[in-house]
Protein backbone atom coordinates (compact mmCIF):
# COMPACT_ATOMS: atom_id res chain seq x y z
CA MET A 1 -134.00 -49.52 146.62
CA ILE A 2 -132.82 -51.32 143.48
CA LYS A 3 -135.48 -53.57 142.00
CA ARG A 4 -136.19 -55.29 138.71
CA PHE A 5 -138.55 -53.52 136.31
CA PHE A 6 -139.74 -54.07 132.79
CA PHE A 7 -140.27 -51.29 130.26
CA LEU A 8 -142.52 -51.41 127.21
CA LEU A 9 -141.08 -49.59 124.21
CA SER A 10 -142.96 -47.94 121.39
CA GLY A 11 -143.18 -49.86 118.12
CA PHE A 12 -142.30 -46.69 116.20
CA ASN A 13 -138.85 -47.96 115.23
CA GLU A 14 -136.91 -51.13 115.96
CA GLU A 15 -133.77 -49.58 117.51
CA LEU A 16 -134.35 -45.89 118.32
CA PRO A 17 -136.68 -46.40 121.35
CA TYR A 18 -134.20 -48.83 122.90
CA ALA A 19 -131.31 -46.44 122.27
CA GLU A 20 -133.23 -43.62 123.93
CA LEU A 21 -134.07 -45.77 126.95
CA ARG A 22 -130.41 -46.69 127.41
CA ALA A 23 -129.35 -43.06 127.13
CA VAL A 24 -131.85 -41.86 129.75
CA LEU A 25 -130.87 -44.66 132.12
CA ASP A 26 -127.21 -43.68 131.70
CA VAL A 27 -128.06 -40.14 132.81
CA LEU A 28 -130.45 -40.98 135.66
CA ASP A 29 -128.71 -44.07 137.05
CA PRO A 30 -125.22 -44.81 135.72
CA SER A 31 -125.12 -48.00 137.83
CA HIS A 32 -128.30 -49.50 136.32
CA LYS A 33 -128.13 -52.96 134.80
CA ILE A 34 -129.98 -54.01 131.66
CA ILE A 35 -130.85 -57.67 132.19
CA LYS A 36 -132.21 -58.34 128.73
CA ARG A 37 -134.24 -57.08 125.82
CA GLU A 38 -136.90 -59.16 124.12
CA GLY A 39 -138.49 -57.22 121.27
CA ARG A 40 -140.30 -54.25 122.79
CA ILE A 41 -139.74 -55.40 126.39
CA VAL A 42 -136.60 -54.40 128.29
CA VAL A 43 -135.88 -55.75 131.79
CA VAL A 44 -133.73 -53.48 133.96
CA GLU A 45 -132.41 -53.37 137.52
CA THR A 46 -132.64 -49.79 138.76
CA LEU A 47 -134.15 -47.53 141.41
CA GLU A 48 -137.91 -47.05 141.80
CA ASP A 49 -137.85 -43.31 141.14
CA VAL A 50 -135.69 -43.88 138.05
CA ALA A 51 -138.25 -46.34 136.66
CA ASP A 52 -140.85 -43.59 137.06
CA GLN A 53 -138.73 -40.81 135.60
CA VAL A 54 -137.75 -42.84 132.53
CA VAL A 55 -141.35 -42.93 131.32
CA GLU A 56 -141.80 -39.19 131.94
CA ARG A 57 -138.56 -38.17 130.24
CA THR A 58 -138.44 -40.44 127.19
CA ALA A 59 -140.38 -40.08 123.98
CA TYR A 60 -140.65 -43.75 123.09
CA THR A 61 -141.03 -45.64 126.40
CA LYS A 62 -144.70 -46.38 126.98
CA LEU A 63 -144.68 -47.71 130.55
CA SER A 64 -142.69 -49.16 133.42
CA ALA A 65 -143.74 -51.93 135.82
CA LEU A 66 -142.25 -53.71 138.80
CA LEU A 67 -141.51 -57.19 137.48
CA LEU A 68 -143.35 -60.02 139.25
CA ALA A 69 -142.93 -62.90 136.80
CA GLU A 70 -142.00 -63.97 133.28
CA THR A 71 -143.99 -66.83 131.82
CA SER A 72 -144.69 -68.70 128.65
CA PRO A 73 -147.54 -67.35 126.47
CA ASP A 74 -149.83 -70.03 127.90
CA GLU A 75 -152.77 -68.62 129.89
CA GLU A 76 -152.67 -71.21 132.67
CA ASP A 77 -148.92 -70.79 133.08
CA THR A 78 -149.41 -67.02 133.46
CA ILE A 79 -152.10 -67.46 136.11
CA SER A 80 -150.10 -70.00 138.12
CA SER A 81 -147.00 -67.80 138.02
CA LEU A 82 -148.72 -64.96 139.89
CA ASP A 83 -147.52 -65.28 143.48
CA THR A 84 -150.17 -63.49 145.54
CA SER A 85 -147.99 -63.70 148.67
CA VAL A 86 -145.68 -61.21 146.96
CA LEU A 87 -148.65 -58.93 146.23
CA LYS A 88 -149.58 -58.99 149.94
CA LYS A 89 -146.20 -57.49 150.76
CA ILE A 90 -146.54 -54.73 148.17
CA ILE A 91 -150.23 -53.79 148.14
CA SER A 92 -151.56 -52.21 151.35
CA SER A 93 -154.77 -53.36 153.06
CA ASN A 94 -158.14 -52.20 151.70
CA SER A 95 -156.58 -51.01 148.46
CA ARG A 96 -158.43 -50.92 145.18
CA ILE A 97 -156.92 -52.92 142.34
CA ALA A 98 -157.45 -53.55 138.65
CA VAL A 99 -155.91 -56.08 136.29
CA ARG A 100 -155.06 -54.88 132.82
CA GLY A 101 -153.41 -56.54 129.88
CA ILE A 102 -151.65 -55.42 126.72
CA SER A 103 -150.97 -57.57 123.70
CA ILE A 104 -147.99 -56.89 121.45
CA GLY A 105 -147.39 -58.79 118.27
CA GLU A 106 -149.65 -61.62 117.17
CA LYS A 107 -152.36 -62.40 119.74
CA THR A 108 -151.96 -65.75 121.50
CA ILE A 109 -154.54 -65.27 124.28
CA ILE A 110 -157.79 -63.41 124.86
CA ILE A 111 -156.76 -60.42 126.96
CA SER A 112 -160.13 -59.81 128.66
CA ASP A 113 -160.39 -63.47 129.76
CA LEU A 114 -156.94 -63.45 131.34
CA GLU A 115 -157.68 -60.13 133.09
CA LYS A 116 -160.76 -61.65 134.73
CA LYS A 117 -158.99 -64.87 135.75
CA LEU A 118 -156.03 -63.05 137.27
CA GLY A 119 -158.38 -60.66 139.09
CA SER A 120 -160.39 -63.57 140.49
CA LYS A 121 -157.25 -65.28 141.77
CA ILE A 122 -156.04 -62.09 143.48
CA VAL A 123 -159.30 -61.30 145.34
CA GLU A 124 -159.76 -64.96 146.28
CA ASP A 125 -156.30 -65.13 147.86
CA ILE A 126 -156.35 -61.57 149.25
CA PRO A 127 -160.00 -60.93 150.24
CA TYR A 128 -159.33 -57.50 151.74
CA LEU A 129 -158.61 -56.08 148.27
CA ARG A 130 -161.38 -54.52 146.18
CA VAL A 131 -161.63 -54.48 142.40
CA ASP A 132 -162.06 -50.97 141.00
CA LEU A 133 -161.62 -50.67 137.25
CA LYS A 134 -162.01 -46.87 137.17
CA THR A 135 -159.85 -45.53 140.00
CA PRO A 136 -157.57 -48.32 141.25
CA ASP A 137 -154.74 -47.70 143.71
CA TYR A 138 -152.71 -50.42 142.04
CA ILE A 139 -152.77 -51.92 138.55
CA VAL A 140 -151.58 -55.49 138.11
CA LEU A 141 -150.36 -55.49 134.53
CA PHE A 142 -149.46 -58.19 132.06
CA VAL A 143 -147.93 -57.72 128.64
CA ALA A 144 -148.55 -60.65 126.32
CA SER A 145 -146.29 -61.38 123.38
CA PRO A 146 -146.02 -64.45 121.14
CA GLU A 147 -142.82 -65.54 122.95
CA LYS A 148 -143.48 -64.64 126.58
CA ASN A 149 -145.84 -62.92 129.02
CA TYR A 150 -144.63 -60.42 131.60
CA LEU A 151 -146.47 -59.79 134.87
CA GLY A 152 -145.93 -56.76 137.04
CA ILE A 153 -147.33 -53.86 139.03
CA LEU A 154 -147.61 -50.74 136.92
CA ARG A 155 -145.35 -47.87 137.98
CA ARG A 156 -145.88 -45.28 135.23
CA ALA A 157 -147.67 -45.15 131.89
CA LYS A 158 -147.30 -42.37 129.36
CA HIS A 159 -150.56 -40.53 128.73
CA LYS A 160 -151.90 -41.10 125.23
CA ARG A 161 -152.00 -37.34 124.65
CA PHE A 162 -148.60 -36.64 126.18
CA PHE A 163 -147.35 -34.89 123.03
CA TYR A 164 -150.69 -33.97 121.47
CA TYR A 165 -150.75 -30.25 122.30
CA ARG A 166 -147.13 -29.78 121.22
CA LYS A 167 -147.54 -31.42 117.81
CA ALA A 168 -146.22 -29.19 115.02
CA GLY A 169 -149.70 -28.49 113.70
CA LYS A 170 -150.97 -27.51 117.16
CA ARG A 171 -148.30 -24.90 117.87
CA PRO A 172 -149.00 -21.16 117.48
CA PHE A 173 -146.47 -21.14 114.62
CA SER A 174 -145.48 -23.96 112.30
CA ILE A 175 -143.91 -24.63 108.91
CA PRO A 176 -144.09 -27.87 106.85
CA SER A 177 -140.57 -29.00 107.78
CA ALA A 178 -141.10 -28.62 111.56
CA MET A 179 -139.96 -31.66 113.58
CA GLN A 180 -142.53 -33.41 115.75
CA PRO A 181 -142.01 -33.33 119.55
CA GLU A 182 -141.39 -37.09 119.95
CA LEU A 183 -138.29 -37.09 117.77
CA SER A 184 -137.14 -33.75 119.21
CA ARG A 185 -137.27 -35.16 122.74
CA CYS A 186 -135.53 -38.34 121.66
CA LEU A 187 -132.64 -36.33 120.17
CA ILE A 188 -132.19 -34.43 123.43
CA ASN A 189 -132.08 -37.70 125.35
CA LEU A 190 -129.60 -39.33 122.96
CA SER A 191 -127.15 -36.51 123.68
CA ARG A 192 -126.78 -37.87 127.23
CA THR A 193 -126.47 -34.34 128.57
CA ARG A 194 -126.47 -34.08 132.37
CA ILE A 195 -129.80 -32.77 133.67
CA GLY A 196 -129.62 -29.00 133.93
CA GLY A 197 -126.84 -28.86 131.34
CA LYS A 198 -126.57 -26.31 128.53
CA ILE A 199 -127.60 -27.29 124.98
CA LEU A 200 -127.45 -25.37 121.69
CA ASP A 201 -129.69 -25.82 118.65
CA PRO A 202 -127.92 -23.85 115.89
CA PHE A 203 -130.70 -24.54 113.35
CA ALA A 204 -133.57 -23.83 115.72
CA GLY A 205 -136.37 -23.44 113.17
CA THR A 206 -139.73 -23.24 114.93
CA GLY A 207 -138.19 -24.14 118.30
CA GLY A 208 -139.39 -27.74 118.65
CA ILE A 209 -136.09 -29.10 120.00
CA MET A 210 -135.78 -26.12 122.32
CA ILE A 211 -139.25 -26.66 123.77
CA GLU A 212 -138.69 -30.33 124.56
CA GLY A 213 -135.27 -29.64 126.05
CA ILE A 214 -136.55 -26.87 128.30
CA LEU A 215 -139.40 -29.09 129.50
CA LEU A 216 -136.79 -31.71 130.40
CA GLY A 217 -134.93 -29.21 132.57
CA TYR A 218 -132.11 -28.17 130.25
CA ASP A 219 -130.77 -24.69 129.54
CA LEU A 220 -131.54 -24.34 125.82
CA TYR A 221 -130.31 -21.74 123.35
CA GLY A 222 -131.30 -21.52 119.71
CA VAL A 223 -129.96 -19.78 116.60
CA GLU A 224 -132.12 -19.26 113.51
CA LEU A 225 -130.98 -17.60 110.28
CA LYS A 226 -134.37 -16.36 109.09
CA ARG A 227 -135.89 -13.60 111.15
CA TRP A 228 -139.51 -14.49 110.36
CA ILE A 229 -138.99 -18.09 111.47
CA ALA A 230 -137.17 -16.95 114.62
CA LEU A 231 -140.11 -14.71 115.47
CA GLY A 232 -142.42 -17.69 114.96
CA ALA A 233 -140.24 -19.79 117.25
CA LEU A 234 -140.44 -17.00 119.82
CA LYS A 235 -144.24 -17.32 119.76
CA ASN A 236 -143.97 -21.06 120.38
CA LEU A 237 -141.48 -20.65 123.20
CA LYS A 238 -143.63 -18.03 124.91
CA TYR A 239 -146.62 -20.36 124.62
CA TYR A 240 -144.98 -23.52 126.00
CA THR A 241 -142.02 -22.28 128.06
CA PRO A 242 -142.70 -18.67 129.19
CA SER A 243 -139.66 -16.57 130.21
CA LEU A 244 -137.21 -19.05 128.62
CA GLU A 245 -137.17 -17.73 125.04
CA ASN A 246 -133.41 -17.94 124.41
CA ILE A 247 -133.48 -17.66 120.61
CA ILE A 248 -131.49 -15.26 118.48
CA VAL A 249 -131.31 -14.44 114.77
CA GLY A 250 -127.90 -15.46 113.48
CA ASP A 251 -125.78 -17.66 111.21
CA SER A 252 -124.77 -21.03 112.66
CA ARG A 253 -121.63 -21.00 110.51
CA LYS A 254 -120.25 -18.03 112.43
CA PRO A 255 -119.51 -18.98 116.05
CA MET A 256 -121.00 -16.57 118.57
CA PHE A 257 -120.41 -18.63 121.73
CA ARG A 258 -117.17 -19.85 123.25
CA ARG A 259 -116.92 -23.33 124.80
CA CYS A 260 -120.06 -23.00 126.91
CA PHE A 261 -122.33 -25.85 125.75
CA ASP A 262 -122.42 -29.45 126.92
CA SER A 263 -123.98 -30.57 123.65
CA ILE A 264 -125.43 -29.51 120.32
CA VAL A 265 -128.76 -31.04 119.28
CA THR A 266 -130.13 -30.01 115.92
CA ASP A 267 -132.05 -30.69 112.71
CA PRO A 268 -130.38 -28.78 109.83
CA PRO A 269 -132.55 -27.37 107.02
CA TYR A 270 -133.04 -29.41 103.87
CA GLY A 271 -135.69 -30.21 101.27
CA ARG A 272 -137.38 -28.45 98.39
CA SER A 273 -139.18 -25.96 100.60
CA THR A 274 -135.99 -24.89 102.39
CA THR A 275 -133.58 -22.21 101.28
CA ILE A 276 -130.17 -23.50 102.33
CA PRO A 277 -127.28 -21.03 102.58
CA ASP A 278 -124.85 -21.51 99.70
CA LYS A 279 -127.45 -23.80 98.06
CA SER A 280 -125.70 -26.87 99.43
CA LEU A 281 -126.48 -28.92 102.52
CA THR A 282 -123.04 -30.53 102.29
CA ASN A 283 -121.32 -27.14 102.31
CA LEU A 284 -123.51 -26.02 105.19
CA LEU A 285 -122.70 -29.10 107.27
CA THR A 286 -118.97 -28.86 106.47
CA SER A 287 -118.91 -25.29 107.74
CA PHE A 288 -121.04 -26.25 110.74
CA PHE A 289 -118.77 -29.11 111.87
CA TYR A 290 -115.65 -27.04 111.25
CA ASN A 291 -116.90 -24.28 113.56
CA CYS A 292 -119.09 -25.99 116.16
CA GLY A 293 -116.12 -27.08 118.26
CA ASP A 294 -115.87 -23.45 119.35
CA HIS A 295 -119.29 -23.80 121.01
CA LEU A 296 -118.69 -27.05 122.89
CA LYS A 297 -117.02 -27.82 126.17
CA GLU A 298 -114.37 -30.54 126.26
CA GLY A 299 -116.04 -33.91 125.59
CA GLY A 300 -119.21 -32.32 124.22
CA SER A 301 -121.52 -34.19 121.84
CA ILE A 302 -123.41 -33.43 118.64
CA THR A 303 -126.75 -35.12 117.97
CA ILE A 304 -127.97 -34.41 114.46
CA VAL A 305 -130.57 -35.58 111.93
CA VAL A 306 -129.90 -35.58 108.18
CA PRO A 307 -131.35 -37.27 105.09
CA GLU A 308 -130.03 -40.79 104.52
CA ASN A 309 -128.16 -39.82 101.34
CA VAL A 310 -126.08 -37.10 103.05
CA TYR A 311 -122.74 -38.54 104.20
CA VAL A 312 -122.20 -36.37 107.22
CA GLU A 313 -120.07 -39.13 108.75
CA ASP A 314 -117.18 -38.23 106.45
CA ILE A 315 -117.59 -34.52 107.14
CA ALA A 316 -117.61 -35.05 110.90
CA SER A 317 -114.61 -37.39 110.80
CA SER A 318 -112.55 -34.90 108.80
CA THR A 319 -113.16 -32.24 111.47
CA GLY A 320 -112.24 -34.46 114.43
CA TYR A 321 -115.55 -35.99 115.56
CA ASN A 322 -116.16 -39.68 116.23
CA LEU A 323 -119.46 -41.31 115.31
CA ARG A 324 -120.86 -43.09 118.39
CA GLU A 325 -124.40 -44.00 117.31
CA VAL A 326 -126.48 -44.03 114.12
CA TYR A 327 -130.14 -44.98 113.59
CA ARG A 328 -132.33 -44.85 110.51
CA VAL A 329 -135.83 -43.47 110.87
CA LYS A 330 -138.41 -43.68 108.10
CA ILE A 331 -140.39 -40.44 108.05
CA HIS A 332 -142.57 -41.35 105.09
CA ARG A 333 -142.36 -43.52 101.99
CA SER A 334 -139.80 -41.35 100.18
CA LEU A 335 -137.77 -40.02 103.11
CA THR A 336 -135.49 -41.79 105.57
CA ARG A 337 -133.43 -39.80 108.07
CA LYS A 338 -130.26 -40.73 109.89
CA VAL A 339 -130.09 -39.88 113.58
CA MET A 340 -126.41 -39.64 114.58
CA VAL A 341 -124.50 -38.92 117.77
CA PHE A 342 -120.91 -37.65 117.53
CA ARG A 343 -118.34 -36.81 120.19
């Protein structure tokens, strides 16, 4: 059944989390409707199972909740807006509940006070419900922002350690330039590849993009020029995705596949610690874009990350690709990357 949900985005970047959410919704439910976005909150009409899957599949969506009400930041307005007759229809008898709040932006209310007041109103109006802060069956959630408060029933929340054990430094093999799993997963999602589709990472490195893609249910293949790095990636793949170690040693500039991939998702080598073929990232990317069409099916996409000062847009355009999306991501004080999607 189609219902209205709100999603809380990560504050990692202003635009990338929202772009990823839209991309995943496009794949899971092409008929979804985005009602509005207000800062880190996005209100969407979609299916219940889609609202759950979005949180599991994205990197930068923190939670989803069935929307009950939108109110002003005022505490009394938030309390009065909670219609407990609606809760009676949703929450089954003798269930255990908890009320939890999250504040984003500048605090306008005391979260713990509002939690208690909302909880008191619920149990007063629905006496057969029990408060259980440790193992509730339902969580009544509010997200407080300076502009508006959102009330809902929590559907899914991403575990705080969702990516922890796949962090670059936690893998069996890592090098300094290895991409972290959050951005790797986001790149896969931005490609809008159908679930179960076939994806190529022609600069596979330590296998981070491959791991996230396989965990999302895609058929991932990787190419890595350096044998010792490819062997390290093989260790990582065996550790996280046993029996799906589809990585080969090869040169991404020399096509070895013919029109069999739905998309290419990759992070080309660059930086002082990286030995780039021909000593030029521009030359490498020119050769890559010239040849990668041989790998892709009709209508395939390329999702790629490059340093901000590399004008890959011109290279892609000259080889027949159209830029659909671009986002800037600050990695650290001296490095900003461009995340781009081409078709």
